[in-house]
């Protein structure tokens, strides 16, 4: 079994990652409390994911896995993108981020609300070696939040081919099967098997 220290402490991400990787020969260890947060100063998802994975590998002396996810909205020239977690400002919650997106898209026609989620999964080893994979989910932004599941922008993102249901309306199993994070993690497993 291959073991990796998780860079994230976000309980929603941890739950999703553990559920998606459960069928595979991968063990995810919790990030030690004494390891400080890593400032996401890079301007790409790949850069931030690698930064976090390398910081954890260096701090723990173990292989580490990190992710970075962005929501890219066509009508907003790709925003919020790499700044998705703090789109409405530092220290805000996702409800404020969601409300900012909905305000900025107010009056934008349904046909022009195309968007995609992209997750980058980065792996770093104490030796200094590192690599990354990604997963993309195409869809559109709804005019209002729908559903009680998921987290972040899930209530306003409708994946293509889901009949207008938001990610927050899918069951956890449905979301993990289709999501950008699920796709990235399955690519991670394939890359591990081929390494």
C-alpha atoms as a PDB file:
ATOM      1  CA  UNK A   1       0.000   0.000   0.000  1.00  0.00           C
ATOM      2  CA  UNK A   2       1.253   3.471  -0.884  1.00  0.00           C
ATOM      3  CA  UNK A   3       0.820   6.130   1.802  1.00  0.00           C
ATOM      4  CA  UNK A   4       0.626   9.899   1.402  1.00  0.00           C
ATOM      5  CA  UNK A   5       0.250  12.732   3.879  1.00  0.00           C
ATOM      6  CA  UNK A   6      -2.660  14.976   2.945  1.00  0.00           C
ATOM      7  CA  UNK A   7      -1.901  18.661   2.562  1.00  0.00           C
ATOM      8  CA  UNK A   8      -5.511  19.684   3.112  1.00  0.00           C
ATOM      9  CA  UNK A   9      -7.350  19.919   6.397  1.00  0.00           C
ATOM     10  CA  UNK A  10     -10.632  20.829   4.678  1.00  0.00           C
ATOM     11  CA  UNK A  11     -12.963  18.131   6.058  1.00  0.00           C
ATOM     12  CA  UNK A  12     -15.124  18.114   2.909  1.00  0.00           C
ATOM     13  CA  UNK A  13     -12.122  17.529   0.644  1.00  0.00           C
ATOM     14  CA  UNK A  14     -10.698  14.894   3.001  1.00  0.00           C
ATOM     15  CA  UNK A  15     -14.019  13.025   2.997  1.00  0.00           C
ATOM     16  CA  UNK A  16     -14.280  13.148  -0.804  1.00  0.00           C
ATOM     17  CA  UNK A  17     -10.678  12.087  -1.347  1.00  0.00           C
ATOM     18  CA  UNK A  18     -10.938   9.164   1.074  1.00  0.00           C
ATOM     19  CA  UNK A  19     -14.223   7.999  -0.504  1.00  0.00           C
ATOM     20  CA  UNK A  20     -12.870   8.198  -4.061  1.00  0.00           C
ATOM     21  CA  UNK A  21      -9.598   6.437  -3.200  1.00  0.00           C
ATOM     22  CA  UNK A  22     -11.190   3.778  -0.935  1.00  0.00           C
ATOM     23  CA  UNK A  23     -11.205   1.053  -3.639  1.00  0.00           C
ATOM     24  CA  UNK A  24      -7.515   1.563  -4.385  1.00  0.00           C
ATOM     25  CA  UNK A  25      -4.288   0.603  -2.632  1.00  0.00           C
ATOM     26  CA  UNK A  26      -3.679   4.127  -1.276  1.00  0.00           C
ATOM     27  CA  UNK A  27      -3.551   5.266   2.329  1.00  0.00           C
ATOM     28  CA  UNK A  28      -4.144   8.948   3.139  1.00  0.00           C
ATOM     29  CA  UNK A  29      -2.629  10.173   6.384  1.00  0.00           C
ATOM     30  CA  UNK A  30      -3.896  13.345   8.067  1.00  0.00           C
ATOM     31  CA  UNK A  31      -1.794  16.456   7.916  1.00  0.00           C
ATOM     32  CA  UNK A  32       0.056  16.887  11.243  1.00  0.00           C
ATOM     33  CA  UNK A  33      -1.319  19.737  13.341  1.00  0.00           C
ATOM     34  CA  UNK A  34       2.123  21.242  13.806  1.00  0.00           C
ATOM     35  CA  UNK A  35       2.626  21.798  10.061  1.00  0.00           C
ATOM     36  CA  UNK A  36       1.603  25.395   9.307  1.00  0.00           C
ATOM     37  CA  UNK A  37      -0.672  26.425   6.460  1.00  0.00           C
ATOM     38  CA  UNK A  38       1.046  27.101   3.155  1.00  0.00           C
ATOM     39  CA  UNK A  39       0.406  30.449   1.465  1.00  0.00           C
ATOM     40  CA  UNK A  40      -0.941  29.844  -2.025  1.00  0.00           C
ATOM     41  CA  UNK A  41       1.159  32.432  -3.836  1.00  0.00           C
ATOM     42  CA  UNK A  42       1.395  30.816  -7.274  1.00  0.00           C
ATOM     43  CA  UNK A  43      -0.726  32.005 -10.200  1.00  0.00           C
ATOM     44  CA  UNK A  44      -1.690  28.521 -11.425  1.00  0.00           C
ATOM     45  CA  UNK A  45      -3.459  25.552  -9.877  1.00  0.00           C
ATOM     46  CA  UNK A  46      -0.430  23.391 -10.668  1.00  0.00           C
ATOM     47  CA  UNK A  47       1.882  25.837  -8.918  1.00  0.00           C
ATOM     48  CA  UNK A  48      -0.211  25.996  -5.758  1.00  0.00           C
ATOM     49  CA  UNK A  49      -0.780  22.239  -5.574  1.00  0.00           C
ATOM     50  CA  UNK A  50       2.941  21.541  -6.005  1.00  0.00           C
ATOM     51  CA  UNK A  51       3.825  24.227  -3.442  1.00  0.00           C
ATOM     52  CA  UNK A  52       1.577  22.593  -0.839  1.00  0.00           C
ATOM     53  CA  UNK A  53       2.688  19.027  -1.601  1.00  0.00           C
ATOM     54  CA  UNK A  54       6.369  19.967  -1.451  1.00  0.00           C
ATOM     55  CA  UNK A  55       5.906  21.843   1.835  1.00  0.00           C
ATOM     56  CA  UNK A  56       4.264  18.784   3.427  1.00  0.00           C
ATOM     57  CA  UNK A  57       6.879  16.364   2.070  1.00  0.00           C
ATOM     58  CA  UNK A  58       9.661  18.598   3.415  1.00  0.00           C
ATOM     59  CA  UNK A  59       7.969  19.061   6.805  1.00  0.00           C
ATOM     60  CA  UNK A  60       7.107  15.392   7.375  1.00  0.00           C
ATOM     61  CA  UNK A  61       9.772  13.489   5.447  1.00  0.00           C
ATOM     62  CA  UNK A  62       6.963  11.501   3.815  1.00  0.00           C
ATOM     63  CA  UNK A  63       5.322  11.455   0.392  1.00  0.00           C
ATOM     64  CA  UNK A  64       2.562  14.069   0.266  1.00  0.00           C
ATOM     65  CA  UNK A  65      -0.495  14.750  -1.860  1.00  0.00           C
ATOM     66  CA  UNK A  66      -2.121  18.151  -2.356  1.00  0.00           C
ATOM     67  CA  UNK A  67      -4.884  19.527  -4.513  1.00  0.00           C
ATOM     68  CA  UNK A  68      -5.912  22.893  -5.832  1.00  0.00           C
ATOM     69  CA  UNK A  69      -9.235  23.507  -7.510  1.00  0.00           C
ATOM     70  CA  UNK A  70     -10.606  26.415  -9.479  1.00  0.00           C
ATOM     71  CA  UNK A  71     -13.924  27.384 -11.025  1.00  0.00           C
ATOM     72  CA  UNK A  72     -13.408  29.007 -14.426  1.00  0.00           C
ATOM     73  CA  UNK A  73     -16.407  30.959 -15.770  1.00  0.00           C
ATOM     74  CA  UNK A  74     -16.441  31.903 -19.456  1.00  0.00           C
ATOM     75  CA  UNK A  75     -18.465  35.124 -19.040  1.00  0.00           C
ATOM     76  CA  UNK A  76     -16.039  36.314 -16.335  1.00  0.00           C
ATOM     77  CA  UNK A  77     -12.929  35.738 -18.478  1.00  0.00           C
ATOM     78  CA  UNK A  78     -12.057  32.639 -16.446  1.00  0.00           C
ATOM     79  CA  UNK A  79     -12.586  34.167 -13.010  1.00  0.00           C
ATOM     80  CA  UNK A  80     -12.546  33.230 -10.182  1.00  0.00           C
ATOM     81  CA  UNK A  81     -10.031  30.606 -11.392  1.00  0.00           C
ATOM     82  CA  UNK A  82      -6.998  30.170  -9.167  1.00  0.00           C
ATOM     83  CA  UNK A  83      -8.551  32.632  -6.683  1.00  0.00           C
ATOM     84  CA  UNK A  84     -11.760  30.607  -6.230  1.00  0.00           C
ATOM     85  CA  UNK A  85     -11.347  29.992  -2.468  1.00  0.00           C
ATOM     86  CA  UNK A  86     -10.962  33.701  -1.681  1.00  0.00           C
ATOM     87  CA  UNK A  87     -12.825  35.306  -4.568  1.00  0.00           C
ATOM     88  CA  UNK A  88     -14.863  37.643  -2.357  1.00  0.00           C
ATOM     89  CA  UNK A  89     -11.794  38.457  -0.217  1.00  0.00           C
ATOM     90  CA  UNK A  90      -9.508  36.915   2.371  1.00  0.00           C
ATOM     91  CA  UNK A  91     -11.224  35.213   5.290  1.00  0.00           C
ATOM     92  CA  UNK A  92     -14.624  34.965   3.601  1.00  0.00           C
ATOM     93  CA  UNK A  93     -16.826  31.888   3.431  1.00  0.00           C
ATOM     94  CA  UNK A  94     -18.025  30.159   0.290  1.00  0.00           C
ATOM     95  CA  UNK A  95     -21.509  31.634   0.598  1.00  0.00           C
ATOM     96  CA  UNK A  96     -19.955  35.075   0.049  1.00  0.00           C
ATOM     97  CA  UNK A  97     -17.958  33.747  -2.914  1.00  0.00           C
ATOM     98  CA  UNK A  98     -21.108  32.207  -4.417  1.00  0.00           C
ATOM     99  CA  UNK A  99     -23.052  35.443  -3.917  1.00  0.00           C
ATOM    100  CA  UNK A 100     -20.302  37.452  -5.638  1.00  0.00           C
ATOM    101  CA  UNK A 101     -20.392  35.132  -8.667  1.00  0.00           C
ATOM    102  CA  UNK A 102     -24.195  35.344  -8.857  1.00  0.00           C
ATOM    103  CA  UNK A 103     -24.065  39.167  -8.654  1.00  0.00           C
ATOM    104  CA  UNK A 104     -21.460  39.346 -11.414  1.00  0.00           C
ATOM    105  CA  UNK A 105     -23.540  37.053 -13.648  1.00  0.00           C
ATOM    106  CA  UNK A 106     -26.824  38.857 -12.986  1.00  0.00           C
ATOM    107  CA  UNK A 107     -28.478  39.444 -16.364  1.00  0.00           C
ATOM    108  CA  UNK A 108     -26.115  37.098 -18.259  1.00  0.00           C
ATOM    109  CA  UNK A 109     -28.103  34.809 -20.555  1.00  0.00           C
ATOM    110  CA  UNK A 110     -28.269  31.110 -19.676  1.00  0.00           C
ATOM    111  CA  UNK A 111     -26.479  30.236 -22.934  1.00  0.00           C
ATOM    112  CA  UNK A 112     -23.504  32.399 -21.890  1.00  0.00           C
ATOM    113  CA  UNK A 113     -22.979  30.881 -18.429  1.00  0.00           C
ATOM    114  CA  UNK A 114     -20.545  28.152 -19.469  1.00  0.00           C
ATOM    115  CA  UNK A 115     -17.951  27.173 -16.887  1.00  0.00           C
ATOM    116  CA  UNK A 116     -15.689  24.365 -15.802  1.00  0.00           C
ATOM    117  CA  UNK A 117     -14.147  23.105 -12.605  1.00  0.00           C
ATOM    118  CA  UNK A 118     -10.531  21.968 -12.714  1.00  0.00           C
ATOM    119  CA  UNK A 119      -8.680  20.103  -9.965  1.00  0.00           C
ATOM    120  CA  UNK A 120      -4.938  19.537  -9.932  1.00  0.00           C
ATOM    121  CA  UNK A 121      -3.565  16.747  -7.735  1.00  0.00           C
ATOM    122  CA  UNK A 122       0.133  17.113  -6.957  1.00  0.00           C
ATOM    123  CA  UNK A 123       2.447  14.561  -5.383  1.00  0.00           C
ATOM    124  CA  UNK A 124       5.804  15.351  -3.811  1.00  0.00           C
ATOM    125  CA  UNK A 125       8.424  13.059  -2.305  1.00  0.00           C
ATOM    126  CA  UNK A 126      11.129  13.799   0.286  1.00  0.00           C
ATOM    127  CA  UNK A 127      13.687  13.155  -2.493  1.00  0.00           C
ATOM    128  CA  UNK A 128      12.473  16.301  -4.268  1.00  0.00           C
ATOM    129  CA  UNK A 129      10.673  14.438  -7.046  1.00  0.00           C
ATOM    130  CA  UNK A 130       7.160  15.649  -7.832  1.00  0.00           C
ATOM    131  CA  UNK A 131       4.432  15.376 -10.451  1.00  0.00           C
ATOM    132  CA  UNK A 132       0.794  16.327 -11.008  1.00  0.00           C
ATOM    133  CA  UNK A 133      -2.378  15.261 -12.813  1.00  0.00           C
ATOM    134  CA  UNK A 134      -5.681  17.030 -13.315  1.00  0.00           C
ATOM    135  CA  UNK A 135      -9.394  16.515 -13.859  1.00  0.00           C
ATOM    136  CA  UNK A 136     -11.954  18.788 -15.519  1.00  0.00           C
ATOM    137  CA  UNK A 137     -15.741  18.936 -15.258  1.00  0.00           C
ATOM    138  CA  UNK A 138     -17.640  21.015 -17.836  1.00  0.00           C
ATOM    139  CA  UNK A 139     -20.937  22.671 -17.020  1.00  0.00           C
ATOM    140  CA  UNK A 140     -22.636  25.995 -16.431  1.00  0.00           C
ATOM    141  CA  UNK A 141     -23.512  28.417 -13.657  1.00  0.00           C
ATOM    142  CA  UNK A 142     -27.120  28.426 -12.439  1.00  0.00           C
ATOM    143  CA  UNK A 143     -28.976  31.658 -11.693  1.00  0.00           C
ATOM    144  CA  UNK A 144     -29.533  30.593  -8.072  1.00  0.00           C
ATOM    145  CA  UNK A 145     -28.205  28.063  -5.594  1.00  0.00           C
ATOM    146  CA  UNK A 146     -29.861  24.621  -5.650  1.00  0.00           C
ATOM    147  CA  UNK A 147     -29.340  21.619  -3.378  1.00  0.00           C
ATOM    148  CA  UNK A 148     -28.077  20.879   0.108  1.00  0.00           C
ATOM    149  CA  UNK A 149     -25.084  18.620  -0.601  1.00  0.00           C
ATOM    150  CA  UNK A 150     -21.518  19.339  -1.532  1.00  0.00           C
ATOM    151  CA  UNK A 151     -19.615  22.466  -0.584  1.00  0.00           C
ATOM    152  CA  UNK A 152     -18.107  25.581  -2.119  1.00  0.00           C
ATOM    153  CA  UNK A 153     -19.588  26.483  -5.492  1.00  0.00           C
ATOM    154  CA  UNK A 154     -21.433  23.140  -5.829  1.00  0.00           C
ATOM    155  CA  UNK A 155     -24.942  24.681  -5.380  1.00  0.00           C
ATOM    156  CA  UNK A 156     -24.532  26.956  -8.441  1.00  0.00           C
ATOM    157  CA  UNK A 157     -22.609  24.626 -10.773  1.00  0.00           C
ATOM    158  CA  UNK A 158     -24.643  22.378 -13.081  1.00  0.00           C
ATOM    159  CA  UNK A 159     -22.518  19.684 -14.736  1.00  0.00           C
ATOM    160  CA  UNK A 160     -23.182  19.079 -18.414  1.00  0.00           C
ATOM    161  CA  UNK A 161     -25.491  16.104 -19.051  1.00  0.00           C
ATOM    162  CA  UNK A 162     -27.122  16.267 -15.595  1.00  0.00           C
ATOM    163  CA  UNK A 163     -30.370  17.895 -16.721  1.00  0.00           C
ATOM    164  CA  UNK A 164     -29.740  21.146 -14.857  1.00  0.00           C
ATOM    165  CA  UNK A 165     -29.058  19.530 -11.467  1.00  0.00           C
ATOM    166  CA  UNK A 166     -26.368  21.245  -9.450  1.00  0.00           C
ATOM    167  CA  UNK A 167     -23.440  19.346  -7.939  1.00  0.00           C
ATOM    168  CA  UNK A 168     -25.140  19.974  -4.586  1.00  0.00           C
ATOM    169  CA  UNK A 169     -28.185  17.999  -5.776  1.00  0.00           C
ATOM    170  CA  UNK A 170     -26.196  14.880  -6.673  1.00  0.00           C
ATOM    171  CA  UNK A 171     -25.668  12.113  -4.170  1.00  0.00           C
ATOM    172  CA  UNK A 172     -22.128  11.820  -2.815  1.00  0.00           C
ATOM    173  CA  UNK A 173     -21.620   8.707  -4.942  1.00  0.00           C
ATOM    174  CA  UNK A 174     -22.849  10.480  -8.097  1.00  0.00           C
ATOM    175  CA  UNK A 175     -20.660  13.495  -7.413  1.00  0.00           C
ATOM    176  CA  UNK A 176     -17.545  11.426  -6.732  1.00  0.00           C
ATOM    177  CA  UNK A 177     -18.104   9.438  -9.921  1.00  0.00           C
ATOM    178  CA  UNK A 178     -18.449  12.525 -12.133  1.00  0.00           C
ATOM    179  CA  UNK A 179     -16.571  15.353 -10.429  1.00  0.00           C
ATOM    180  CA  UNK A 180     -13.363  17.111 -11.381  1.00  0.00           C
ATOM    181  CA  UNK A 181     -11.770  15.914  -8.116  1.00  0.00           C
ATOM    182  CA  UNK A 182     -12.870  12.331  -8.785  1.00  0.00           C
ATOM    183  CA  UNK A 183     -11.418  12.471 -12.303  1.00  0.00           C
ATOM    184  CA  UNK A 184      -8.135  13.925 -11.030  1.00  0.00           C
ATOM    185  CA  UNK A 185      -7.837  11.315  -8.275  1.00  0.00           C
ATOM    186  CA  UNK A 186      -8.493   8.451 -10.680  1.00  0.00           C
ATOM    187  CA  UNK A 187      -5.757   9.886 -12.942  1.00  0.00           C
ATOM    188  CA  UNK A 188      -3.528   9.986  -9.863  1.00  0.00           C
ATOM    189  CA  UNK A 189      -4.185   6.263  -9.266  1.00  0.00           C
ATOM    190  CA  UNK A 190      -3.369   5.422 -12.894  1.00  0.00           C
ATOM    191  CA  UNK A 191      -0.150   7.443 -12.689  1.00  0.00           C
ATOM    192  CA  UNK A 192       0.817   5.653  -9.459  1.00  0.00           C
ATOM    193  CA  UNK A 193       0.187   2.241 -11.030  1.00  0.00           C
ATOM    194  CA  UNK A 194       2.351   3.182 -14.011  1.00  0.00           C
ATOM    195  CA  UNK A 195       5.225   4.620 -11.989  1.00  0.00           C
END
